[in-house]
Amino acid sequence: MKAYDDAMRALQDHYHDAVGKPCGLLRDGPRKERLSTVEHATRKRQAAKLAKDIKNVKHMRRETAAEAQNIADQTRMFVKNLRAGFKSS
């Protein structure tokens, strides 16, 4: 039974990391950790900020990848044009 409990806990941890955090959800509620309403609200705000930061990082990664691809394409065209210029001379 302990192995089952450990496996389910690991599954929930993985799910929270993959889905909950990016959505700004907390892993546990206020009762489990015996938090006051104010403490729980603070943690919810922190989780929402973390989700926003994760979203911004993902967006920056996509922009950076697109920019790198653009630079690579421009470099290939430059080299191609440069080679074509040498062949015609």
C-alpha atoms as a PDB file:
ATOM      1  CA  MET A   1       0.000   0.000   0.000  1.00  0.00           C
ATOM      2  CA  LYS A   2       2.918   2.363   0.739  1.00  0.00           C
ATOM      3  CA  ALA A   3       4.264   1.878  -2.792  1.00  0.00           C
ATOM      4  CA  TYR A   4       0.848   2.784  -4.206  1.00  0.00           C
ATOM      5  CA  ASP A   5       0.616   5.896  -2.021  1.00  0.00           C
ATOM      6  CA  ASP A   6       4.122   6.963  -3.034  1.00  0.00           C
ATOM      7  CA  ALA A   7       3.352   6.418  -6.729  1.00  0.00           C
ATOM      8  CA  MET A   8       0.119   8.429  -6.527  1.00  0.00           C
ATOM      9  CA  ARG A   9       1.888  11.239  -4.663  1.00  0.00           C
ATOM     10  CA  ALA A  10       4.594  11.303  -7.349  1.00  0.00           C
ATOM     11  CA  LEU A  11       1.899  11.379 -10.052  1.00  0.00           C
ATOM     12  CA  GLN A  12       0.151  14.310  -8.376  1.00  0.00           C
ATOM     13  CA  ASP A  13       3.465  16.136  -7.915  1.00  0.00           C
ATOM     14  CA  HIS A  14       4.291  15.644 -11.588  1.00  0.00           C
ATOM     15  CA  TYR A  15       0.799  16.808 -12.626  1.00  0.00           C
ATOM     16  CA  HIS A  16       1.089  19.897 -10.437  1.00  0.00           C
ATOM     17  CA  ASP A  17       4.493  20.756 -11.908  1.00  0.00           C
ATOM     18  CA  ALA A  18       3.274  20.244 -15.479  1.00  0.00           C
ATOM     19  CA  VAL A  19      -0.224  21.718 -15.228  1.00  0.00           C
ATOM     20  CA  GLY A  20      -0.901  23.354 -11.864  1.00  0.00           C
ATOM     21  CA  LYS A  21       2.071  25.695 -11.622  1.00  0.00           C
ATOM     22  CA  PRO A  22       1.704  27.141 -15.117  1.00  0.00           C
ATOM     23  CA  CYS A  23      -1.972  27.769 -14.325  1.00  0.00           C
ATOM     24  CA  GLY A  24      -1.185  29.465 -11.003  1.00  0.00           C
ATOM     25  CA  LEU A  25      -2.629  26.704  -8.813  1.00  0.00           C
ATOM     26  CA  LEU A  26      -1.297  25.696  -5.410  1.00  0.00           C
ATOM     27  CA  ARG A  27      -0.401  22.069  -4.673  1.00  0.00           C
ATOM     28  CA  ASP A  28      -2.217  21.996  -1.324  1.00  0.00           C
ATOM     29  CA  GLY A  29      -5.086  23.932   0.203  1.00  0.00           C
ATOM     30  CA  PRO A  30      -4.964  26.143   3.315  1.00  0.00           C
ATOM     31  CA  ARG A  31      -6.257  23.514   5.746  1.00  0.00           C
ATOM     32  CA  LYS A  32      -3.507  20.994   5.084  1.00  0.00           C
ATOM     33  CA  GLU A  33      -0.813  23.505   6.036  1.00  0.00           C
ATOM     34  CA  ARG A  34      -2.990  25.246   8.640  1.00  0.00           C
ATOM     35  CA  LEU A  35      -2.637  28.621   6.964  1.00  0.00           C
ATOM     36  CA  SER A  36      -4.605  31.692   7.840  1.00  0.00           C
ATOM     37  CA  THR A  37      -6.733  33.313   5.155  1.00  0.00           C
ATOM     38  CA  VAL A  38      -4.147  36.055   4.688  1.00  0.00           C
ATOM     39  CA  GLU A  39      -1.260  33.583   4.372  1.00  0.00           C
ATOM     40  CA  HIS A  40      -3.190  31.490   1.872  1.00  0.00           C
ATOM     41  CA  ALA A  41      -4.105  34.567  -0.176  1.00  0.00           C
ATOM     42  CA  THR A  42      -0.429  35.577  -0.209  1.00  0.00           C
ATOM     43  CA  ARG A  43       0.572  32.150  -1.488  1.00  0.00           C
ATOM     44  CA  LYS A  44      -2.123  32.299  -4.164  1.00  0.00           C
ATOM     45  CA  ARG A  45      -0.772  35.661  -5.345  1.00  0.00           C
ATOM     46  CA  GLN A  46       2.756  34.229  -5.427  1.00  0.00           C
ATOM     47  CA  ALA A  47       1.531  31.221  -7.421  1.00  0.00           C
ATOM     48  CA  ALA A  48      -0.236  33.504  -9.892  1.00  0.00           C
ATOM     49  CA  LYS A  49       2.932  35.577 -10.283  1.00  0.00           C
ATOM     50  CA  LEU A  50       4.964  32.406 -10.855  1.00  0.00           C
ATOM     51  CA  ALA A  51       2.489  31.304 -13.543  1.00  0.00           C
ATOM     52  CA  LYS A  52       2.804  34.701 -15.226  1.00  0.00           C
ATOM     53  CA  ASP A  53       6.608  34.476 -15.081  1.00  0.00           C
ATOM     54  CA  ILE A  54       6.534  30.969 -16.592  1.00  0.00           C
ATOM     55  CA  LYS A  55       4.311  32.226 -19.400  1.00  0.00           C
ATOM     56  CA  ASN A  56       6.657  35.173 -20.056  1.00  0.00           C
ATOM     57  CA  VAL A  57       9.717  32.904 -20.169  1.00  0.00           C
ATOM     58  CA  LYS A  58       7.995  30.577 -22.639  1.00  0.00           C
ATOM     59  CA  HIS A  59       7.058  33.567 -24.797  1.00  0.00           C
ATOM     60  CA  MET A  60      10.632  34.896 -24.700  1.00  0.00           C
ATOM     61  CA  ARG A  61      11.951  31.447 -25.667  1.00  0.00           C
ATOM     62  CA  ARG A  62       9.658  31.368 -28.701  1.00  0.00           C
ATOM     63  CA  GLU A  63      10.694  34.899 -29.703  1.00  0.00           C
ATOM     64  CA  THR A  64      14.375  34.057 -29.272  1.00  0.00           C
ATOM     65  CA  ALA A  65      14.040  30.868 -31.310  1.00  0.00           C
ATOM     66  CA  ALA A  66      12.248  32.753 -34.079  1.00  0.00           C
ATOM     67  CA  GLU A  67      14.900  35.460 -34.057  1.00  0.00           C
ATOM     68  CA  ALA A  68      17.696  32.864 -34.170  1.00  0.00           C
ATOM     69  CA  GLN A  69      15.989  31.152 -37.107  1.00  0.00           C
ATOM     70  CA  ASN A  70      15.687  34.506 -38.888  1.00  0.00           C
ATOM     71  CA  ILE A  71      19.397  35.214 -38.358  1.00  0.00           C
ATOM     72  CA  ALA A  72      20.306  31.727 -39.613  1.00  0.00           C
ATOM     73  CA  ASP A  73      18.152  32.228 -42.719  1.00  0.00           C
ATOM     74  CA  GLN A  74      19.731  35.620 -43.415  1.00  0.00           C
ATOM     75  CA  THR A  75      23.217  34.164 -42.966  1.00  0.00           C
ATOM     76  CA  ARG A  76      22.464  31.321 -45.403  1.00  0.00           C
ATOM     77  CA  MET A  77      21.172  33.817 -47.977  1.00  0.00           C
ATOM     78  CA  PHE A  78      24.230  36.024 -47.506  1.00  0.00           C
ATOM     79  CA  VAL A  79      26.597  33.073 -47.992  1.00  0.00           C
ATOM     80  CA  LYS A  80      24.606  31.867 -51.013  1.00  0.00           C
ATOM     81  CA  ASN A  81      24.746  35.349 -52.594  1.00  0.00           C
ATOM     82  CA  LEU A  82      28.410  35.668 -51.746  1.00  0.00           C
ATOM     83  CA  ARG A  83      29.194  32.329 -53.393  1.00  0.00           C
ATOM     84  CA  ALA A  84      27.121  33.258 -56.430  1.00  0.00           C
ATOM     85  CA  GLY A  85      29.123  36.479 -56.740  1.00  0.00           C
ATOM     86  CA  PHE A  86      32.431  34.595 -56.699  1.00  0.00           C
ATOM     87  CA  LYS A  87      31.233  32.097 -59.328  1.00  0.00           C
ATOM     88  CA  SER A  88      30.264  34.816 -61.788  1.00  0.00           C
ATOM     89  CA  SER A  89      33.623  36.617 -61.474  1.00  0.00           C
END
